[in-house]
C-alpha atoms as a PDB file:
ATOM      1  CA  MET A   1      -0.046  -0.087  -0.037  1.00  0.00           C
ATOM      2  CA  PHE A   2       0.842   3.694  -0.281  1.00  0.00           C
ATOM      3  CA  VAL A   3       1.641   5.942   2.688  1.00  0.00           C
ATOM      4  CA  VAL A   4       0.724   9.560   2.186  1.00  0.00           C
ATOM      5  CA  VAL A   5       2.619  12.276   3.665  1.00  0.00           C
ATOM      6  CA  ASP A   6       1.853  15.878   3.472  1.00  0.00           C
ATOM      7  CA  ASP A   7       4.285  18.281   2.154  1.00  0.00           C
ATOM      8  CA  ASP A   8       4.452  19.928   5.831  1.00  0.00           C
ATOM      9  CA  MET A   9       6.284  16.799   6.917  1.00  0.00           C
ATOM     10  CA  ALA A  10       8.491  16.545   3.819  1.00  0.00           C
ATOM     11  CA  THR A  11      10.299  18.763   1.696  1.00  0.00           C
ATOM     12  CA  GLY A  12      10.157  16.882  -1.619  1.00  0.00           C
ATOM     13  CA  THR A  13      13.334  14.627  -0.883  1.00  0.00           C
ATOM     14  CA  CYS A  14      13.289  11.218   0.512  1.00  0.00           C
ATOM     15  CA  LEU A  15      12.193  10.756   4.179  1.00  0.00           C
ATOM     16  CA  GLU A  16      14.410  10.124   6.846  1.00  0.00           C
ATOM     17  CA  GLN A  17      14.462   6.469   8.486  1.00  0.00           C
ATOM     18  CA  GLU A  18      12.932   7.952  11.661  1.00  0.00           C
ATOM     19  CA  VAL A  19       9.609   9.207   9.743  1.00  0.00           C
ATOM     20  CA  LEU A  20       9.593   5.957   8.018  1.00  0.00           C
ATOM     21  CA  LEU A  21       9.500   4.022  11.252  1.00  0.00           C
ATOM     22  CA  SER A  22       6.941   6.619  12.637  1.00  0.00           C
ATOM     23  CA  VAL A  23       4.676   5.820   9.507  1.00  0.00           C
ATOM     24  CA  ALA A  24       5.046   2.236   9.988  1.00  0.00           C
ATOM     25  CA  ALA A  25       4.142   2.343  13.524  1.00  0.00           C
ATOM     26  CA  LEU A  26       0.872   4.375  12.589  1.00  0.00           C
ATOM     27  CA  CYS A  27       0.070   1.656   9.941  1.00  0.00           C
ATOM     28  CA  ASN A  28       0.626  -1.018  12.690  1.00  0.00           C
ATOM     29  CA  THR A  29       3.227  -3.026  10.698  1.00  0.00           C
ATOM     30  CA  GLU A  30       6.634  -4.240  11.822  1.00  0.00           C
ATOM     31  CA  GLN A  31       9.461  -2.082  11.570  1.00  0.00           C
ATOM     32  CA  LEU A  32      11.103  -1.229   8.329  1.00  0.00           C
ATOM     33  CA  ASP A  33      14.467  -2.811   7.450  1.00  0.00           C
ATOM     34  CA  ALA A  34      14.732  -1.882   3.743  1.00  0.00           C
ATOM     35  CA  PRO A  35      15.263   1.581   2.208  1.00  0.00           C
ATOM     36  CA  ALA A  36      12.424   3.459   1.041  1.00  0.00           C
ATOM     37  CA  THR A  37      11.455   5.527  -2.098  1.00  0.00           C
ATOM     38  CA  CYS A  38       9.683   8.729  -2.414  1.00  0.00           C
ATOM     39  CA  LEU A  39       7.114   9.684  -5.286  1.00  0.00           C
ATOM     40  CA  HIS A  40       5.410  13.242  -5.496  1.00  0.00           C
ATOM     41  CA  ASP A  41       2.011  13.397  -6.437  1.00  0.00           C
ATOM     42  CA  ASN A  42      -0.118  16.987  -6.255  1.00  0.00           C
ATOM     43  CA  GLY A  43       1.740  18.373  -3.314  1.00  0.00           C
ATOM     44  CA  HIS A  44       1.740  14.677  -1.521  1.00  0.00           C
ATOM     45  CA  VAL A  45       4.908  12.546  -0.888  1.00  0.00           C
ATOM     46  CA  LEU A  46       3.785   8.895  -1.535  1.00  0.00           C
ATOM     47  CA  VAL A  47       6.060   6.718   0.473  1.00  0.00           C
ATOM     48  CA  ARG A  48       6.795   3.174  -0.643  1.00  0.00           C
ATOM     49  CA  GLN A  49       9.043   0.640   1.392  1.00  0.00           C
ATOM     50  CA  LEU A  50      11.119  -1.448  -0.895  1.00  0.00           C
ATOM     51  CA  ALA A  51      11.687  -5.230  -0.522  1.00  0.00           C
ATOM     52  CA  SER A  52      13.226  -6.562   2.956  1.00  0.00           C
ATOM     53  CA  LYS A  53      15.819  -8.766   3.101  1.00  0.00           C
ATOM     54  CA  SER A  54      13.007 -11.749   3.261  1.00  0.00           C
ATOM     55  CA  GLY A  55      12.164 -10.851  -0.227  1.00  0.00           C
ATOM     56  CA  LYS A  56       8.950  -9.462   0.776  1.00  0.00           C
ATOM     57  CA  SER A  57       7.765  -5.846   0.789  1.00  0.00           C
ATOM     58  CA  ARG A  58       6.395  -4.253   3.881  1.00  0.00           C
ATOM     59  CA  LEU A  59       4.563  -1.296   2.477  1.00  0.00           C
ATOM     60  CA  GLU A  60       3.086  -2.718  -0.697  1.00  0.00           C
ATOM     61  CA  THR A  61       1.961  -0.623  -3.927  1.00  0.00           C
ATOM     62  CA  PRO A  62      -1.497  -0.106  -4.239  1.00  0.00           C
ATOM     63  CA  ILE A  63      -3.380  -3.526  -4.744  1.00  0.00           C
ATOM     64  CA  GLN A  64      -5.395  -3.676  -7.907  1.00  0.00           C
ATOM     65  CA  SER A  65      -9.079  -4.674  -7.483  1.00  0.00           C
ATOM     66  CA  SER A  66      -9.720  -8.205  -7.879  1.00  0.00           C
ATOM     67  CA  GLY A  67     -11.412  -9.721 -11.130  1.00  0.00           C
ATOM     68  CA  SER A  68     -14.735  -9.487  -9.600  1.00  0.00           C
ATOM     69  CA  ASP A  69     -16.037  -6.616 -11.644  1.00  0.00           C
ATOM     70  CA  HIS A  70     -14.566  -8.130 -14.652  1.00  0.00           C
ATOM     71  CA  GLU A  71     -16.332 -11.618 -13.855  1.00  0.00           C
ATOM     72  CA  LEU A  72     -19.695  -9.918 -13.194  1.00  0.00           C
ATOM     73  CA  TRP A  73     -19.705  -8.151 -16.586  1.00  0.00           C
ATOM     74  CA  LYS A  74     -18.804 -11.579 -18.218  1.00  0.00           C
ATOM     75  CA  LEU A  75     -21.701 -13.330 -16.484  1.00  0.00           C
ATOM     76  CA  THR A  76     -24.194 -10.509 -17.051  1.00  0.00           C
ATOM     77  CA  PRO A  77     -24.412 -11.171 -20.968  1.00  0.00           C
ATOM     78  CA  GLN A  78     -25.108 -14.895 -20.174  1.00  0.00           C
ATOM     79  CA  THR A  79     -27.610 -14.270 -17.836  1.00  0.00           C
ATOM     80  CA  ALA A  80     -29.307 -12.474 -20.076  1.00  0.00           C
ATOM     81  CA  TYR A  81     -29.024 -14.714 -22.908  1.00  0.00           C
ATOM     82  CA  TYR A  82     -30.652 -17.390 -20.592  1.00  0.00           C
ATOM     83  CA  ILE A  83     -33.349 -15.395 -19.579  1.00  0.00           C
ATOM     84  CA  VAL A  84     -34.224 -14.471 -23.185  1.00  0.00           C
ATOM     85  CA  ALA A  85     -33.862 -18.068 -24.128  1.00  0.00           C
ATOM     86  CA  ILE A  86     -36.415 -19.029 -21.656  1.00  0.00           C
ATOM     87  CA  ILE A  87     -38.690 -16.289 -22.434  1.00  0.00           C
ATOM     88  CA  ALA A  88     -38.508 -17.401 -26.067  1.00  0.00           C
ATOM     89  CA  ALA A  89     -39.429 -21.087 -25.152  1.00  0.00           C
ATOM     90  CA  ILE A  90     -42.188 -19.791 -23.175  1.00  0.00           C
ATOM     91  CA  TRP A  91     -43.530 -17.744 -26.151  1.00  0.00           C
ATOM     92  CA  VAL A  92     -43.176 -20.508 -28.263  1.00  0.00           C
ATOM     93  CA  LEU A  93     -45.362 -23.083 -26.360  1.00  0.00           C
ATOM     94  CA  VAL A  94     -47.964 -20.391 -26.078  1.00  0.00           C
ATOM     95  CA  VAL A  95     -48.013 -19.638 -29.780  1.00  0.00           C
ATOM     96  CA  TYR A  96     -48.112 -23.470 -30.385  1.00  0.00           C
ATOM     97  CA  ARG A  97     -50.971 -24.096 -28.144  1.00  0.00           C
ATOM     98  CA  ARG A  98     -52.733 -21.333 -29.529  1.00  0.00           C
ATOM     99  CA  ASN A  99     -52.373 -22.482 -33.117  1.00  0.00           C
ATOM    100  CA  ARG A 100     -53.313 -26.025 -32.150  1.00  0.00           C
ATOM    101  CA  ARG A 101     -56.503 -24.875 -30.619  1.00  0.00           C
ATOM    102  CA  LEU A 102     -57.177 -23.054 -33.686  1.00  0.00           C
ATOM    103  CA  GLU A 103     -56.622 -25.939 -35.987  1.00  0.00           C
ATOM    104  CA  GLN A 104     -58.687 -28.012 -33.691  1.00  0.00           C
ATOM    105  CA  SER A 105     -61.581 -25.518 -34.105  1.00  0.00           C
ATOM    106  CA  ARG A 106     -61.375 -25.603 -37.690  1.00  0.00           C
ATOM    107  CA  TRP A 107     -61.271 -29.538 -37.967  1.00  0.00           C
ATOM    108  CA  LEU A 108     -64.322 -29.575 -35.931  1.00  0.00           C
ATOM    109  CA  SER A 109     -66.080 -26.732 -37.751  1.00  0.00           C
ATOM    110  CA  THR A 110     -65.576 -28.574 -40.876  1.00  0.00           C
ATOM    111  CA  PHE A 111     -67.170 -31.877 -39.064  1.00  0.00           C
ATOM    112  CA  TYR A 112     -70.053 -29.947 -37.928  1.00  0.00           C
ATOM    113  CA  ASP A 113     -70.953 -28.351 -41.142  1.00  0.00           C
ATOM    114  CA  LYS A 114     -70.628 -31.721 -42.936  1.00  0.00           C
ATOM    115  CA  PHE A 115     -72.816 -33.654 -40.264  1.00  0.00           C
ATOM    116  CA  TYR A 116     -75.597 -30.994 -39.847  1.00  0.00           C
ATOM    117  CA  GLU A 117     -75.394 -28.498 -42.821  1.00  0.00           C
ATOM    118  CA  THR A 118     -75.726 -30.734 -45.616  1.00  0.00           C
ATOM    119  CA  GLU A 119     -78.393 -33.389 -46.357  1.00  0.00           C
ATOM    120  CA  LYS A 120     -75.701 -36.468 -46.853  1.00  0.00           C
ATOM    121  CA  TYR A 121     -76.421 -37.816 -43.221  1.00  0.00           C
ATOM    122  CA  LYS A 122     -79.845 -36.474 -42.759  1.00  0.00           C
ATOM    123  CA  ARG A 123     -81.791 -39.484 -43.584  1.00  0.00           C
ATOM    124  CA  VAL A 124     -79.775 -41.882 -41.373  1.00  0.00           C
ATOM    125  CA  ARG A 125     -79.661 -39.534 -38.514  1.00  0.00           C
ATOM    126  CA  GLU A 126     -83.397 -39.056 -38.333  1.00  0.00           C
ATOM    127  CA  LEU A 127     -84.323 -42.728 -38.684  1.00  0.00           C
ATOM    128  CA  LEU A 128     -81.678 -43.644 -35.869  1.00  0.00           C
ATOM    129  CA  ASP A 129     -83.313 -40.636 -33.660  1.00  0.00           C
ATOM    130  CA  SER A 130     -86.740 -42.656 -34.097  1.00  0.00           C
ATOM    131  CA  GLN A 131     -88.136 -45.577 -32.803  1.00  0.00           C
ATOM    132  CA  ASN A 132     -88.834 -47.401 -36.380  1.00  0.00           C
ATOM    133  CA  SER A 133     -87.003 -50.498 -35.345  1.00  0.00           C
ATOM    134  CA  ASP A 134     -87.990 -52.225 -38.525  1.00  0.00           C
ATOM    135  CA  ASP A 135     -86.653 -49.693 -40.644  1.00  0.00           C
ATOM    136  CA  ILE A 136     -83.424 -49.697 -38.713  1.00  0.00           C
ATOM    137  CA  ARG A 137     -83.079 -53.397 -38.776  1.00  0.00           C
ATOM    138  CA  GLU A 138     -83.539 -53.530 -42.443  1.00  0.00           C
ATOM    139  CA  MET A 139     -81.138 -50.757 -43.106  1.00  0.00           C
ATOM    140  CA  VAL A 140     -78.227 -52.470 -40.988  1.00  0.00           C
ATOM    141  CA  GLU A 141     -79.010 -55.978 -42.504  1.00  0.00           C
ATOM    142  CA  HIS A 142     -78.952 -54.741 -45.952  1.00  0.00           C
ATOM    143  CA  GLU A 143     -75.753 -52.519 -45.060  1.00  0.00           C
ATOM    144  CA  ASP A 144     -77.365 -49.330 -46.925  1.00  0.00           C
ATOM    145  CA  PRO A 145     -74.710 -47.092 -48.425  1.00  0.00           C
ATOM    146  CA  ASP A 146     -75.935 -44.093 -46.488  1.00  0.00           C
ATOM    147  CA  PHE A 147     -75.700 -46.019 -43.168  1.00  0.00           C
ATOM    148  CA  THR A 148     -72.160 -47.439 -43.934  1.00  0.00           C
ATOM    149  CA  ASP A 149     -71.148 -43.712 -44.730  1.00  0.00           C
ATOM    150  CA  TYR A 150     -72.659 -42.564 -41.327  1.00  0.00           C
ATOM    151  CA  LEU A 151     -70.748 -45.111 -39.481  1.00  0.00           C
ATOM    152  CA  ASN A 152     -67.712 -44.008 -41.622  1.00  0.00           C
ATOM    153  CA  PHE A 153     -68.070 -40.455 -40.669  1.00  0.00           C
ATOM    154  CA  PHE A 154     -67.907 -40.972 -37.014  1.00  0.00           C
ATOM    155  CA  GLU A 155     -65.175 -43.473 -37.434  1.00  0.00           C
ATOM    156  CA  HIS A 156     -63.582 -40.571 -39.078  1.00  0.00           C
ATOM    157  CA  VAL A 157     -64.072 -38.284 -36.146  1.00  0.00           C
ATOM    158  CA  ALA A 158     -62.879 -40.941 -33.699  1.00  0.00           C
ATOM    159  CA  ILE A 159     -59.608 -40.984 -35.793  1.00  0.00           C
ATOM    160  CA  PHE A 160     -59.036 -37.126 -35.658  1.00  0.00           C
ATOM    161  CA  ALA A 161     -59.866 -37.186 -31.898  1.00  0.00           C
ATOM    162  CA  GLY A 162     -57.389 -39.978 -31.114  1.00  0.00           C
ATOM    163  CA  SER A 163     -54.607 -37.928 -33.081  1.00  0.00           C
ATOM    164  CA  LYS A 164     -55.295 -35.024 -30.779  1.00  0.00           C
ATOM    165  CA  GLN A 165     -56.562 -33.169 -34.107  1.00  0.00           C
ATOM    166  CA  LEU A 166     -59.996 -32.864 -32.215  1.00  0.00           C
ATOM    167  CA  ARG A 167     -60.642 -32.387 -28.327  1.00  0.00           C
ATOM    168  CA  THR A 168     -62.759 -35.287 -26.962  1.00  0.00           C
ATOM    169  CA  ASP A 169     -64.778 -32.907 -25.071  1.00  0.00           C
ATOM    170  CA  ASP A 170     -65.524 -30.785 -28.462  1.00  0.00           C
ATOM    171  CA  VAL A 171     -66.495 -34.230 -29.988  1.00  0.00           C
ATOM    172  CA  GLU A 172     -68.869 -35.028 -27.341  1.00  0.00           C
ATOM    173  CA  ALA A 173     -70.110 -31.388 -27.066  1.00  0.00           C
ATOM    174  CA  SER A 174     -71.116 -31.727 -30.917  1.00  0.00           C
ATOM    175  CA  PHE A 175     -72.066 -35.357 -31.502  1.00  0.00           C
ATOM    176  CA  CYS A 176     -72.901 -36.479 -28.083  1.00  0.00           C
ATOM    177  CA  TYR A 177     -76.642 -37.015 -28.769  1.00  0.00           C
ATOM    178  CA  TYR A 178     -76.517 -38.920 -32.274  1.00  0.00           C
ATOM    179  CA  LEU A 179     -73.533 -40.996 -30.811  1.00  0.00           C
ATOM    180  CA  ASP A 180     -75.841 -42.214 -27.908  1.00  0.00           C
ATOM    181  CA  CYS A 181     -78.548 -42.789 -30.747  1.00  0.00           C
ATOM    182  CA  LEU A 182     -76.151 -45.347 -32.098  1.00  0.00           C
ATOM    183  CA  LYS A 183     -75.592 -47.254 -28.808  1.00  0.00           C
ATOM    184  CA  SER A 184     -79.509 -47.121 -28.323  1.00  0.00           C
ATOM    185  CA  HIS A 185     -80.309 -49.877 -30.968  1.00  0.00           C
ATOM    186  CA  GLU A 186     -79.310 -53.447 -30.756  1.00  0.00           C
ATOM    187  CA  LYS A 187     -78.903 -54.116 -34.440  1.00  0.00           C
ATOM    188  CA  VAL A 188     -76.484 -50.997 -34.814  1.00  0.00           C
ATOM    189  CA  ARG A 189     -74.653 -51.975 -31.795  1.00  0.00           C
ATOM    190  CA  ASP A 190     -74.057 -55.260 -33.028  1.00  0.00           C
ATOM    191  CA  TYR A 191     -72.852 -54.233 -36.190  1.00  0.00           C
ATOM    192  CA  ILE A 192     -70.344 -51.927 -35.050  1.00  0.00           C
ATOM    193  CA  ASN A 193     -68.886 -54.409 -32.595  1.00  0.00           C
ATOM    194  CA  ASN A 194     -68.549 -57.021 -35.269  1.00  0.00           C
ATOM    195  CA  PRO A 195     -64.668 -57.061 -36.075  1.00  0.00           C
ATOM    196  CA  GLU A 196     -65.853 -58.380 -39.620  1.00  0.00           C
ATOM    197  CA  LYS A 197     -66.951 -54.946 -40.407  1.00  0.00           C
ATOM    198  CA  GLY A 198     -63.553 -53.397 -39.604  1.00  0.00           C
ATOM    199  CA  LEU A 199     -65.027 -50.338 -37.659  1.00  0.00           C
ATOM    200  CA  ARG A 200     -63.196 -48.618 -35.195  1.00  0.00           C
ATOM    201  CA  SER A 201     -65.715 -48.956 -31.912  1.00  0.00           C
END
């Protein structure tokens, strides 16, 4: 370290050994046994003790600040990078979930319009919603094309629900009643559960 002595105590030349000893005592150090050098800085005398016989200096030069500041500045961009990466990952997940939900809604709307807004499934839908068991039995036994198309429609819906392209609760909310109509007729249930028909129950 440096010891600062005002010009009132020195005349601009190297201080006497006695002054150095007094300074050392004030600094709570051991007695100095090596020569000292003096530096001038803006009206002050900077006293530095040279290396002692043991090879170690008694009054050291100013200790430079540690590398903690440098390490802090080094870690700051890394920390910022990780924070930005986490935020970006969360945002990607949010966007993915939103887009997936929109895609599911579009598929549901397509199936809904196809089932309710066209005439293709109307006849079978109304027949299964009735208690006309004779017509229902005849339709099933003769494998009426409209009936098989009707079953294939729900099989297609089941495939999309199984692949998560449709949400199960959306399917139930939109088609639950007519799915129950399929279950309510024994002939229809037997046909669906017949493995030879190749339907996904």
